[in-house]
Protein backbone atom coordinates (compact mmCIF):
# COMPACT_ATOMS: atom_id res chain seq x y z
CA MET A 1 0.01 -0.02 -0.04
CA LEU A 2 1.44 3.31 -1.09
CA MET A 3 1.66 6.32 1.25
CA ILE A 4 1.16 9.22 -1.19
CA PRO A 5 1.99 12.83 -0.07
CA ALA A 6 -0.46 15.44 -1.29
CA ILE A 7 0.49 18.82 -2.68
CA ASP A 8 -2.46 21.12 -3.01
CA LEU A 9 -1.88 24.19 -5.18
CA LYS A 10 -3.55 27.53 -4.64
CA GLU A 11 -2.30 30.81 -6.05
CA GLY A 12 1.09 29.25 -6.70
CA ARG A 13 1.58 28.06 -3.13
CA CYS A 14 1.34 24.71 -1.34
CA VAL A 15 -1.65 24.77 1.04
CA ARG A 16 -3.98 22.51 2.92
CA LEU A 17 -7.76 23.20 3.15
CA ARG A 18 -10.19 22.03 5.79
CA GLN A 19 -13.09 20.13 4.34
CA GLY A 20 -12.42 21.54 0.97
CA ARG A 21 -13.22 25.22 1.86
CA MET A 22 -11.15 27.59 -0.21
CA ASP A 23 -11.49 30.25 2.50
CA ASP A 24 -10.09 27.96 5.23
CA ASP A 25 -6.58 27.23 4.00
CA THR A 26 -3.17 26.90 5.67
CA VAL A 27 -0.17 27.92 3.60
CA PHE A 28 2.75 25.54 4.11
CA SER A 29 5.12 26.75 1.41
CA ALA A 30 5.38 29.32 -1.38
CA ASP A 31 7.66 26.80 -3.27
CA PRO A 32 5.85 23.68 -4.34
CA VAL A 33 8.82 22.36 -6.16
CA ALA A 34 10.84 22.44 -2.97
CA VAL A 35 7.97 20.59 -1.20
CA ALA A 36 7.98 17.87 -3.83
CA GLY A 37 11.75 17.55 -3.20
CA ARG A 38 11.15 17.17 0.45
CA TRP A 39 8.76 14.22 -0.04
CA TYR A 40 11.07 12.80 -2.73
CA ASP A 41 13.99 12.86 -0.29
CA ALA A 42 11.73 11.17 2.34
CA GLY A 43 11.12 8.27 0.00
CA ALA A 44 7.91 9.06 -1.72
CA ARG A 45 6.98 6.67 -4.52
CA ARG A 46 4.23 8.85 -5.88
CA LEU A 47 2.86 12.34 -5.40
CA HIS A 48 -0.75 13.53 -5.42
CA LEU A 49 -1.09 16.99 -6.96
CA VAL A 50 -4.31 19.04 -6.90
CA ASP A 51 -4.78 22.27 -8.75
CA LEU A 52 -7.32 23.82 -6.41
CA ASP A 53 -7.80 26.95 -8.44
CA GLY A 54 -8.28 24.77 -11.56
CA ALA A 55 -10.91 22.74 -9.80
CA PHE A 56 -13.00 25.77 -9.28
CA ALA A 57 -12.24 27.45 -12.63
CA GLY A 58 -12.76 24.29 -14.66
CA VAL A 59 -9.40 24.79 -16.41
CA PRO A 60 -5.77 24.20 -15.28
CA ARG A 61 -4.24 27.05 -13.37
CA HIS A 62 -0.97 25.37 -12.21
CA ALA A 63 0.15 23.39 -15.25
CA GLU A 64 3.52 25.22 -15.24
CA VAL A 65 4.16 24.39 -11.59
CA ILE A 66 3.20 20.78 -12.14
CA ALA A 67 5.59 20.59 -15.16
CA ALA A 68 8.42 22.13 -13.02
CA ILE A 69 7.88 19.46 -10.38
CA HIS A 70 8.10 16.69 -13.08
CA ASP A 71 11.19 18.30 -14.63
CA ALA A 72 12.86 18.49 -11.19
CA TYR A 73 12.03 14.85 -10.26
CA PRO A 74 11.29 13.05 -13.59
CA GLU A 75 11.43 9.52 -12.03
CA LEU A 76 8.75 10.36 -9.40
CA PRO A 77 5.27 9.36 -10.65
CA LEU A 78 2.63 12.09 -10.48
CA GLN A 79 -1.12 11.88 -10.23
CA VAL A 80 -2.82 15.12 -11.04
CA GLY A 81 -6.30 16.42 -10.55
CA GLY A 82 -8.21 19.74 -10.49
CA GLY A 83 -9.66 21.36 -13.62
CA ILE A 84 -9.51 18.27 -15.88
CA ARG A 85 -12.74 18.48 -17.82
CA ASP A 86 -11.71 17.33 -21.34
CA LEU A 87 -9.46 14.96 -23.30
CA ALA A 88 -7.20 17.84 -24.46
CA THR A 89 -6.29 18.74 -20.92
CA LEU A 90 -5.65 15.09 -20.10
CA GLU A 91 -3.39 14.72 -23.16
CA ALA A 92 -1.53 17.90 -22.26
CA TYR A 93 -0.70 16.69 -18.73
CA LEU A 94 0.20 13.18 -19.83
CA ASP A 95 2.40 14.57 -22.60
CA ALA A 96 4.11 16.72 -20.00
CA GLY A 97 5.05 13.63 -18.05
CA VAL A 98 2.26 13.23 -15.58
CA SER A 99 1.50 9.48 -14.93
CA TRP A 100 -2.18 9.66 -14.11
CA GLY A 101 -4.89 12.17 -14.67
CA ILE A 102 -7.70 12.38 -12.16
CA ILE A 103 -11.22 13.16 -13.41
CA GLY A 104 -13.54 14.25 -10.69
CA THR A 105 -16.40 16.65 -11.44
CA GLN A 106 -16.62 15.74 -15.12
CA ALA A 107 -16.99 12.06 -14.25
CA VAL A 108 -20.27 13.03 -12.69
CA ARG A 109 -21.22 15.55 -15.44
CA GLU A 110 -20.10 13.37 -18.39
CA PRO A 111 -19.47 9.71 -17.50
CA ALA A 112 -18.79 8.87 -21.12
CA LEU A 113 -15.67 11.00 -20.91
CA VAL A 114 -14.16 8.51 -18.52
CA ALA A 115 -14.82 5.58 -20.84
CA THR A 116 -13.31 7.49 -23.79
CA ALA A 117 -10.28 8.66 -21.78
CA CYS A 118 -9.62 5.05 -20.61
CA GLU A 119 -9.65 3.91 -24.25
CA GLN A 120 -7.34 6.67 -25.41
CA PHE A 121 -5.05 6.63 -22.36
CA PRO A 122 -5.18 3.06 -20.92
CA GLY A 123 -3.92 2.61 -17.42
CA GLN A 124 -3.52 6.44 -16.91
CA ILE A 125 -7.05 7.48 -15.78
CA ILE A 126 -8.09 7.78 -12.16
CA VAL A 127 -11.65 8.77 -11.05
CA GLY A 128 -11.83 11.09 -8.10
CA LEU A 129 -14.80 10.21 -5.93
CA ASP A 130 -15.27 13.05 -3.41
CA ALA A 131 -18.23 12.49 -1.03
CA ARG A 132 -19.92 14.32 1.73
CA ALA A 133 -22.30 12.29 3.95
CA GLY A 134 -22.30 9.53 1.35
CA ARG A 135 -23.21 11.87 -1.58
CA VAL A 136 -20.81 12.68 -4.40
CA ALA A 137 -19.58 16.33 -4.45
CA VAL A 138 -18.48 18.32 -7.51
CA GLU A 139 -17.10 21.68 -8.58
CA GLY A 140 -14.17 21.55 -6.16
CA TRP A 141 -16.40 20.10 -3.53
CA ALA A 142 -18.54 23.26 -3.53
CA GLU A 143 -21.68 21.44 -4.59
CA SER A 144 -23.26 18.12 -3.54
CA SER A 145 -25.00 15.94 -6.05
CA ASP A 146 -27.84 13.37 -5.59
CA LEU A 147 -25.44 10.51 -6.48
CA ASP A 148 -24.83 7.84 -3.94
CA ALA A 149 -21.04 7.27 -3.63
CA VAL A 150 -21.16 3.52 -3.66
CA ASP A 151 -23.45 3.58 -6.81
CA PHE A 152 -21.16 6.07 -8.35
CA ALA A 153 -18.21 3.72 -7.80
CA ARG A 154 -19.94 0.88 -9.37
CA ARG A 155 -20.46 2.81 -12.60
CA PHE A 156 -16.68 2.68 -13.29
CA ALA A 157 -16.10 -0.92 -12.44
CA ARG A 158 -15.85 -1.95 -16.13
CA SER A 159 -14.63 1.35 -17.57
CA GLY A 160 -10.90 0.53 -17.30
CA VAL A 161 -9.94 3.14 -14.71
CA ALA A 162 -6.65 2.64 -13.07
CA ALA A 163 -7.95 3.40 -9.69
CA ILE A 164 -10.61 5.41 -7.70
CA ILE A 165 -9.57 7.96 -5.14
CA TYR A 166 -12.20 7.99 -2.39
CA THR A 167 -12.14 11.23 -0.30
CA ASP A 168 -14.41 11.71 2.82
CA ILE A 169 -14.72 15.48 2.56
CA GLY A 170 -15.92 15.84 6.09
CA ARG A 171 -12.61 14.45 7.35
CA ASP A 172 -10.29 16.09 4.83
CA GLY A 173 -7.71 18.35 6.46
CA MET A 174 -9.42 17.81 9.87
CA LEU A 175 -7.03 15.10 11.31
CA GLN A 176 -10.03 13.05 12.51
CA GLY A 177 -8.88 9.71 11.14
CA VAL A 178 -9.47 8.06 7.84
CA ASN A 179 -12.96 6.60 7.13
CA VAL A 180 -11.80 2.96 6.69
CA GLU A 181 -15.29 1.50 6.70
CA ALA A 182 -16.52 3.69 3.83
CA THR A 183 -13.33 3.17 1.84
CA VAL A 184 -13.76 -0.60 2.16
CA ARG A 185 -17.40 -0.31 0.89
CA ILE A 186 -16.24 1.69 -2.12
CA ALA A 187 -13.36 -0.85 -2.85
CA ARG A 188 -15.77 -3.83 -2.73
CA ALA A 189 -18.32 -2.01 -4.83
CA ALA A 190 -16.07 -0.81 -7.54
CA GLY A 191 -13.82 -3.85 -7.92
CA VAL A 192 -10.94 -1.66 -8.98
CA PRO A 193 -7.97 -0.37 -6.87
CA VAL A 194 -8.95 2.32 -4.39
CA ILE A 195 -6.83 5.07 -2.88
CA ALA A 196 -8.02 6.39 0.49
CA SER A 197 -8.08 10.09 1.14
CA GLY A 198 -9.20 12.41 3.86
CA GLY A 199 -8.45 12.52 7.60
CA MET A 200 -5.15 10.64 7.88
CA LYS A 201 -3.81 11.69 11.30
CA SER A 202 -1.48 9.04 12.70
CA LEU A 203 0.25 5.67 12.20
CA ASP A 204 -2.92 4.05 13.66
CA ASP A 205 -4.68 5.10 10.41
CA VAL A 206 -2.00 3.39 8.41
CA ARG A 207 -2.43 0.22 10.45
CA ARG A 208 -6.26 0.26 10.14
CA LEU A 209 -5.96 0.71 6.34
CA ALA A 210 -3.30 -1.96 5.95
CA GLU A 211 -5.38 -4.41 7.90
CA ALA A 212 -8.30 -3.72 5.60
CA ALA A 213 -6.32 -3.62 2.38
CA GLU A 214 -7.51 -6.97 1.11
CA PRO A 215 -10.63 -5.56 -0.71
CA GLY A 216 -8.41 -3.55 -2.98
CA ILE A 217 -7.17 -0.52 -0.96
CA VAL A 218 -3.84 0.09 -2.65
CA GLY A 219 -2.84 3.53 -1.19
CA ALA A 220 -3.50 6.38 1.00
CA ILE A 221 -3.11 10.13 0.40
CA ILE A 222 -1.58 11.99 3.34
CA GLY A 223 -1.76 15.77 3.66
CA ARG A 224 -1.89 17.85 6.84
CA ALA A 225 -0.54 15.08 9.08
CA LEU A 226 2.61 15.06 7.05
CA TYR A 227 3.04 18.87 6.91
CA GLU A 228 2.47 19.14 10.73
CA GLY A 229 4.67 16.28 11.57
CA ALA A 230 2.01 13.90 13.00
CA ILE A 231 3.14 11.24 10.47
CA GLU A 232 6.62 10.68 9.15
CA LEU A 233 6.43 9.45 5.55
CA ALA A 234 9.28 6.93 5.68
CA GLU A 235 7.98 5.45 8.95
CA ALA A 236 4.43 5.21 7.45
CA GLN A 237 5.56 3.53 4.27
CA GLN A 238 7.72 1.10 6.17
CA LEU A 239 4.71 0.15 8.28
CA ALA A 240 2.54 -0.45 5.21
CA ASP A 241 5.27 -2.48 3.65
CA ASN A 242 5.69 -4.64 6.76
CA TYR A 243 1.94 -5.40 6.75
CA ALA A 244 2.12 -6.40 3.06
CA LEU A 245 4.96 -8.81 3.83
CA GLN A 246 3.07 -10.29 6.73
CA PHE A 247 0.01 -10.96 4.61
CA ARG A 248 2.12 -12.57 1.85
CA HIS A 249 3.97 -14.84 4.32
CA SER A 250 0.70 -15.85 5.96
CA GLY A 251 -0.90 -16.70 2.60
CA GLY A 252 -3.37 -13.89 2.81
CA TRP A 253 -4.92 -11.91 -0.03
């Protein structure tokens, strides 16, 4: 199970929001490339980049910053979301070296886009499933839809997505602990790899996720807990790796 540091971009800076509210942000750095280097040096195997301004505008706002991160650390895989609403934007990111494009709002608005994107860019499309009280949220989490999160996940079971990122908005940036139960439900419903997001606060969350990883939970995105020092990336990744070894040796999974 991968521990994936999050870099959320707002007005050129690295920030963390609370429950997705743009007016409740904490600035951690004015140099996102340097932050990427910090996580690279700590042993990150992948980065999660979110263009927050792009998510609200519907078009990329930090493409140059993301390209700079890739250029500085070309061997570090990047998954990028925020403002990806069409195939041209996806293609531009992937051509620039991004490994996976994340479709969120547009997966709700235009489900056919996901299927087309998966055909055109096999293995490189992730769906972002962001939920508040079990309902899918869109437009940078500013709006809630009538879609049930589990039903939404099932829609993409056969579309060819590389993974689904499940975010519990109510816990995001709040250090309240990851919603393991809901993440497991999504993983079992979708039948594709799921990456947990929202609320990671301590190594106990890593343990709880690792113990539940059998249904297909392949990673966890960590934000505020890393930036505030509640979780050390290398320690968290080693713990997850140890659980994986234990399961293999015991014949699990």
